[in-house]
Protein backbone atom coordinates (compact mmCIF):
# COMPACT_ATOMS: atom_id res chain seq x y z
CA UNK A 1 53.59 131.19 103.21
CA UNK A 2 56.66 129.89 105.03
CA UNK A 3 59.57 129.29 102.68
CA UNK A 4 61.92 126.52 103.79
CA UNK A 5 65.68 126.91 103.86
CA UNK A 6 65.98 123.83 101.62
CA UNK A 7 63.84 125.48 98.94
CA UNK A 8 65.90 128.69 99.09
CA UNK A 9 69.07 126.60 98.82
CA UNK A 10 67.75 124.76 95.75
CA UNK A 11 66.83 128.02 94.03
CA UNK A 12 70.27 129.49 94.79
CA UNK A 13 71.95 126.43 93.29
CA UNK A 14 69.79 126.56 90.15
CA UNK A 15 70.04 130.32 89.55
CA UNK A 16 73.23 131.42 91.27
CA UNK A 17 71.26 134.35 92.71
CA UNK A 18 71.64 135.76 96.21
CA UNK A 19 69.90 134.25 99.19
CA UNK A 20 67.59 137.19 99.84
CA UNK A 21 66.55 137.45 96.19
CA UNK A 22 65.72 133.74 96.16
CA UNK A 23 63.64 133.94 99.31
CA UNK A 24 61.80 137.03 98.08
CA UNK A 25 61.01 135.49 94.69
CA UNK A 26 59.79 132.25 96.28
CA UNK A 27 57.55 134.20 98.66
CA UNK A 28 56.08 136.27 95.83
CA UNK A 29 55.45 133.08 93.84
CA UNK A 30 53.94 131.02 96.69
CA UNK A 31 56.88 128.63 96.86
CA UNK A 32 56.69 127.64 93.19
CA UNK A 33 60.34 127.31 92.27
CA UNK A 34 59.79 127.24 88.51
CA UNK A 35 57.69 130.39 88.66
CA UNK A 36 60.32 132.02 90.86
CA UNK A 37 63.05 131.23 88.34
CA UNK A 38 60.98 132.65 85.49
CA UNK A 39 60.22 135.83 87.45
CA UNK A 40 63.89 136.33 88.29
CA UNK A 41 64.89 135.89 84.68
CA UNK A 42 62.26 138.39 83.55
CA UNK A 43 63.36 140.99 86.10
CA UNK A 44 66.95 140.77 84.91
CA UNK A 45 68.29 140.20 88.43
CA UNK A 46 70.42 137.35 87.23
CA UNK A 47 72.61 139.66 85.15
CA UNK A 48 74.97 140.34 88.06
CA UNK A 49 74.02 137.26 90.01
CA UNK A 50 75.14 134.85 87.29
CA UNK A 51 78.58 135.37 88.77
CA UNK A 52 77.30 134.17 92.15
CA UNK A 53 77.68 130.57 91.03
CA UNK A 54 81.43 130.99 90.78
CA UNK A 55 83.64 129.81 93.61
CA UNK A 56 84.83 132.67 95.82
CA UNK A 57 87.61 131.36 98.05
CA UNK A 58 89.86 134.41 98.31
CA UNK A 59 89.00 137.57 100.20
CA UNK A 60 89.63 139.11 103.59
CA UNK A 61 88.95 138.90 107.30
CA UNK A 62 88.19 142.20 109.06
CA UNK A 63 88.07 142.85 112.82
CA UNK A 64 86.54 145.89 114.52
CA UNK A 65 85.89 146.76 118.17
CA UNK A 66 84.11 149.26 120.37
CA UNK A 67 83.82 149.48 124.16
CA UNK A 68 81.24 146.69 124.35
CA UNK A 69 81.94 144.24 121.53
CA UNK A 70 84.54 142.87 119.15
CA UNK A 71 83.41 141.59 115.77
CA UNK A 72 85.00 139.68 112.91
CA UNK A 73 83.75 139.12 109.37
CA UNK A 74 84.93 137.05 106.42
CA UNK A 75 84.08 138.28 102.94
CA UNK A 76 85.14 136.32 99.87
CA UNK A 77 86.14 137.21 96.33
CA UNK A 78 87.19 135.01 93.43
CA UNK A 79 90.74 136.32 93.15
CA UNK A 80 93.42 137.65 95.45
CA UNK A 81 93.78 140.63 93.11
CA UNK A 82 90.24 141.84 93.82
CA UNK A 83 90.64 141.27 97.57
CA UNK A 84 93.33 143.98 97.53
CA UNK A 85 91.27 146.54 95.59
CA UNK A 86 89.92 149.67 97.28
CA UNK A 87 86.31 148.89 96.31
CA UNK A 88 86.48 145.48 97.99
CA UNK A 89 88.27 146.84 101.08
CA UNK A 90 85.70 149.62 101.46
CA UNK A 91 82.87 147.09 101.24
CA UNK A 92 84.51 144.81 103.81
CA UNK A 93 85.04 147.65 106.27
CA UNK A 94 81.48 148.88 105.80
CA UNK A 95 80.09 145.38 106.41
CA UNK A 96 82.22 145.06 109.55
CA UNK A 97 80.93 148.40 110.86
CA UNK A 98 77.39 147.28 110.06
CA UNK A 99 77.87 144.14 112.16
CA UNK A 100 79.36 146.15 115.03
CA UNK A 101 76.54 148.69 115.09
CA UNK A 102 73.51 146.62 114.05
CA UNK A 103 74.51 143.39 115.84
CA UNK A 104 72.49 141.10 113.51
CA UNK A 105 71.48 137.71 114.87
CA UNK A 106 72.58 135.77 111.80
CA UNK A 107 73.80 136.12 108.22
CA UNK A 108 70.30 136.42 106.77
CA UNK A 109 69.55 139.30 109.12
CA UNK A 110 72.82 141.03 108.22
CA UNK A 111 72.02 140.96 104.52
CA UNK A 112 68.69 142.73 105.07
CA UNK A 113 69.98 145.74 107.04
CA UNK A 114 71.37 148.85 105.38
CA UNK A 115 75.09 148.88 104.79
CA UNK A 116 76.85 151.39 107.02
CA UNK A 117 76.95 154.76 105.27
CA UNK A 118 74.51 153.66 102.55
CA UNK A 119 70.78 153.67 101.89
CA UNK A 120 71.09 150.22 100.30
CA UNK A 121 71.02 146.90 102.10
CA UNK A 122 74.16 144.82 102.52
CA UNK A 123 72.81 142.37 99.95
CA UNK A 124 72.00 145.05 97.36
CA UNK A 125 75.42 146.63 97.92
CA UNK A 126 77.01 143.22 97.42
CA UNK A 127 75.18 142.78 94.12
CA UNK A 128 76.21 146.24 92.97
CA UNK A 129 79.84 145.46 93.76
CA UNK A 130 79.62 142.20 91.78
CA UNK A 131 78.30 144.12 88.78
CA UNK A 132 81.03 146.73 89.12
CA UNK A 133 84.11 144.50 89.51
CA UNK A 134 82.93 141.47 87.54
CA UNK A 135 83.64 138.90 90.23
CA UNK A 136 81.52 137.00 92.71
CA UNK A 137 81.57 138.52 96.20
CA UNK A 138 80.20 136.59 99.16
CA UNK A 139 79.58 137.72 102.74
CA UNK A 140 80.39 134.37 104.29
CA UNK A 141 80.26 134.64 108.09
CA UNK A 142 80.68 136.87 111.11
CA UNK A 143 81.23 136.58 114.85
CA UNK A 144 80.32 138.94 117.67
CA UNK A 145 82.09 138.69 121.04
CA UNK A 146 80.58 140.64 123.92
CA UNK A 147 83.27 141.87 126.29
CA UNK A 148 81.11 141.76 129.44
CA UNK A 149 84.03 142.64 131.70
CA UNK A 150 86.27 139.96 130.18
CA UNK A 151 89.51 140.45 128.26
CA UNK A 152 88.95 140.12 124.53
CA UNK A 153 92.00 139.58 122.35
CA UNK A 154 92.09 140.30 118.62
CA UNK A 155 94.74 139.25 116.13
CA UNK A 156 94.90 139.61 112.35
CA UNK A 157 97.54 137.82 110.30
CA UNK A 158 97.53 140.00 107.20
CA UNK A 159 93.98 139.82 105.85
CA UNK A 160 93.77 136.04 105.65
CA UNK A 161 93.51 134.84 109.26
CA UNK A 162 91.64 136.48 112.13
CA UNK A 163 91.13 135.41 115.74
CA UNK A 164 89.04 136.70 118.63
CA UNK A 165 89.55 135.33 122.14
CA UNK A 166 87.32 135.85 125.16
CA UNK A 167 89.21 135.33 128.42
CA UNK A 168 88.03 135.59 132.00
CA UNK A 169 90.84 136.93 134.19
CA UNK A 170 94.37 137.58 133.01
CA UNK A 171 94.83 140.78 131.02
CA UNK A 172 94.55 142.19 127.50
CA UNK A 173 98.12 141.19 126.61
CA UNK A 174 97.42 137.56 127.51
CA UNK A 175 94.21 137.61 125.45
CA UNK A 176 96.11 138.90 122.42
CA UNK A 177 98.99 136.43 122.89
CA UNK A 178 96.54 133.51 122.94
CA UNK A 179 94.78 134.91 119.87
CA UNK A 180 98.14 134.96 118.08
CA UNK A 181 98.78 131.37 119.25
CA UNK A 182 95.39 130.22 117.91
CA UNK A 183 96.10 131.84 114.53
CA UNK A 184 99.31 129.81 114.23
CA UNK A 185 98.29 126.52 115.88
CA UNK A 186 94.69 126.08 114.61
CA UNK A 187 93.11 124.27 117.59
CA UNK A 188 89.78 122.58 116.91
CA UNK A 189 88.35 123.60 120.26
CA UNK A 190 89.33 124.49 123.82
CA UNK A 191 89.45 121.13 125.61
CA UNK A 192 89.39 117.38 124.77
CA UNK A 193 85.78 117.14 126.00
CA UNK A 194 84.73 119.42 123.15
CA UNK A 195 86.26 117.34 120.34
CA UNK A 196 83.41 115.85 118.26
CA UNK A 197 82.85 112.14 118.86
CA UNK A 198 83.05 111.29 115.15
CA UNK A 199 86.57 112.78 114.91
CA UNK A 200 87.72 110.78 117.94
CA UNK A 201 86.20 107.58 116.54
CA UNK A 202 87.91 108.10 113.17
CA UNK A 203 91.33 108.65 114.77
CA UNK A 204 90.85 105.66 117.06
CA UNK A 205 90.07 103.40 114.08
CA UNK A 206 93.25 104.57 112.33
CA UNK A 207 95.42 103.97 115.41
CA UNK A 208 93.82 100.57 115.97
CA UNK A 209 94.53 99.50 112.38
CA UNK A 210 98.14 100.64 112.73
CA UNK A 211 98.58 98.85 116.06
CA UNK A 212 97.03 95.61 114.82
CA UNK A 213 99.78 95.39 112.19
CA UNK A 214 102.39 95.35 114.95
CA UNK A 215 101.50 91.81 116.03
CA UNK A 216 101.53 92.80 119.71
CA UNK A 217 99.09 91.39 122.31
CA UNK A 218 95.66 92.96 122.65
CA UNK A 219 96.47 94.47 126.05
CA UNK A 220 99.50 96.26 124.60
CA UNK A 221 97.54 97.38 121.53
CA UNK A 222 94.91 98.94 123.78
CA UNK A 223 97.57 100.98 125.58
CA UNK A 224 99.19 102.00 122.30
CA UNK A 225 95.88 103.27 120.91
CA UNK A 226 95.05 105.12 124.13
CA UNK A 227 98.47 106.79 124.12
CA UNK A 228 98.19 107.93 120.52
CA UNK A 229 94.67 109.19 121.07
CA UNK A 230 95.70 111.23 124.10
CA UNK A 231 98.56 112.71 122.10
CA UNK A 232 96.17 113.63 119.28
CA UNK A 233 93.76 115.31 121.70
CA UNK A 234 96.57 117.41 123.17
CA UNK A 235 97.66 118.50 119.70
CA UNK A 236 94.22 119.58 118.45
CA UNK A 237 92.87 121.26 121.61
CA UNK A 238 93.95 124.69 122.78
CA UNK A 239 94.67 123.75 126.40
CA UNK A 240 97.03 120.92 125.44
CA UNK A 241 99.11 122.84 122.89
CA UNK A 242 102.57 124.23 123.72
CA UNK A 243 102.41 128.04 123.89
CA UNK A 244 104.11 129.47 120.78
CA UNK A 245 106.01 132.07 122.81
CA UNK A 246 107.24 129.53 125.37
CA UNK A 247 106.99 125.94 124.18
CA UNK A 248 108.05 124.61 127.60
CA UNK A 249 104.56 125.33 128.91
CA UNK A 250 101.12 124.46 127.58
CA UNK A 251 98.29 126.95 127.20
CA UNK A 252 96.62 125.23 130.15
CA UNK A 253 99.65 125.88 132.36
CA UNK A 254 99.91 129.47 131.11
CA UNK A 255 96.29 130.10 132.09
CA UNK A 256 96.78 128.60 135.55
CA UNK A 257 99.80 130.82 136.12
CA UNK A 258 97.76 133.91 135.25
CA UNK A 259 94.56 132.75 136.97
CA UNK A 260 92.66 132.98 133.70
CA UNK A 261 90.07 130.89 131.86
CA UNK A 262 89.26 130.66 128.14
CA UNK A 263 85.57 131.37 127.67
CA UNK A 264 85.57 131.06 123.87
CA UNK A 265 87.49 131.78 120.70
CA UNK A 266 86.69 132.37 117.04
CA UNK A 267 89.18 131.69 114.25
CA UNK A 268 88.44 132.62 110.62
CA UNK A 269 90.76 131.69 107.77
CA UNK A 270 89.86 132.99 104.33
CA UNK A 271 88.48 130.24 102.10
CA UNK A 272 88.74 127.57 104.79
CA UNK A 273 86.49 124.66 103.87
CA UNK A 274 85.63 126.05 100.43
CA UNK A 275 86.50 123.71 97.59
CA UNK A 276 88.68 125.80 95.31
CA UNK A 277 88.49 125.42 91.56
CA UNK A 278 91.58 124.02 89.88
CA UNK A 279 91.92 124.84 86.23
CA UNK A 280 93.60 122.46 83.82
CA UNK A 281 95.13 124.67 81.13
CA UNK A 282 95.61 121.84 78.63
CA UNK A 283 91.98 120.73 78.95
CA UNK A 284 90.80 124.32 78.59
CA UNK A 285 92.77 124.79 75.38
CA UNK A 286 91.48 121.50 73.95
CA UNK A 287 87.89 122.53 74.71
CA UNK A 288 88.42 125.76 72.80
CA UNK A 289 89.98 123.93 69.84
CA UNK A 290 87.11 121.45 69.64
CA UNK A 291 84.42 124.17 69.55
């Protein structure tokens, strides 16, 4: 029986268990989510996985390379304290090596292969680490960049921000410099043509509302909006940004000078896009008092 991703997602949300455990339990119970929940409770799997419902927005980015590929992984923990522990670091490095050697096609595939140096899968090793340290740990994402004769640049800012660049032409120093630039400047994509249409439409609506308040003629308003939109596109795309090491030239100009082309880039920032929990100490105390 084929188990849909939506069903796996629902079971994860209801149980807080890992993705692979959810899929396995649903398969064994013919897609019956209630039966899957009951089976998971009976097996005691949820003991460590109860922590999986907690928000994990700290953690680390790890980069590794060999002659053929460069890889980057983001692995999350609940607290910054755990992200600096040896157990967590060892797990992160082992997962990174697993990605580099096994080259999984996606996250689901990664979780099913054996962790480097272990007879247990990545997912089982993750669960064991959760049980050991008492915090949720989440293997969030990874990227693999094949070198294929290109220059691949890698840059890590501490353990929180990682960048891989894939550049045709130029040299390895240029690839690393642009990776460092991307870490600092956070471009959305390479060129204006790649900016999603919904983002452009949203910005245009904002600029139009601002311009309409000016009381200027429609023809002038149109030029004002176009000018602001072009400025926005330069700011959020890699080619239009001033190079951090020489702000008198854009990345586009730098690439032309070195006869190079950006093929792709990957930028991971720990916890980016994860809604972090904010605790209200007063409310927490009041809840305890009222119990």
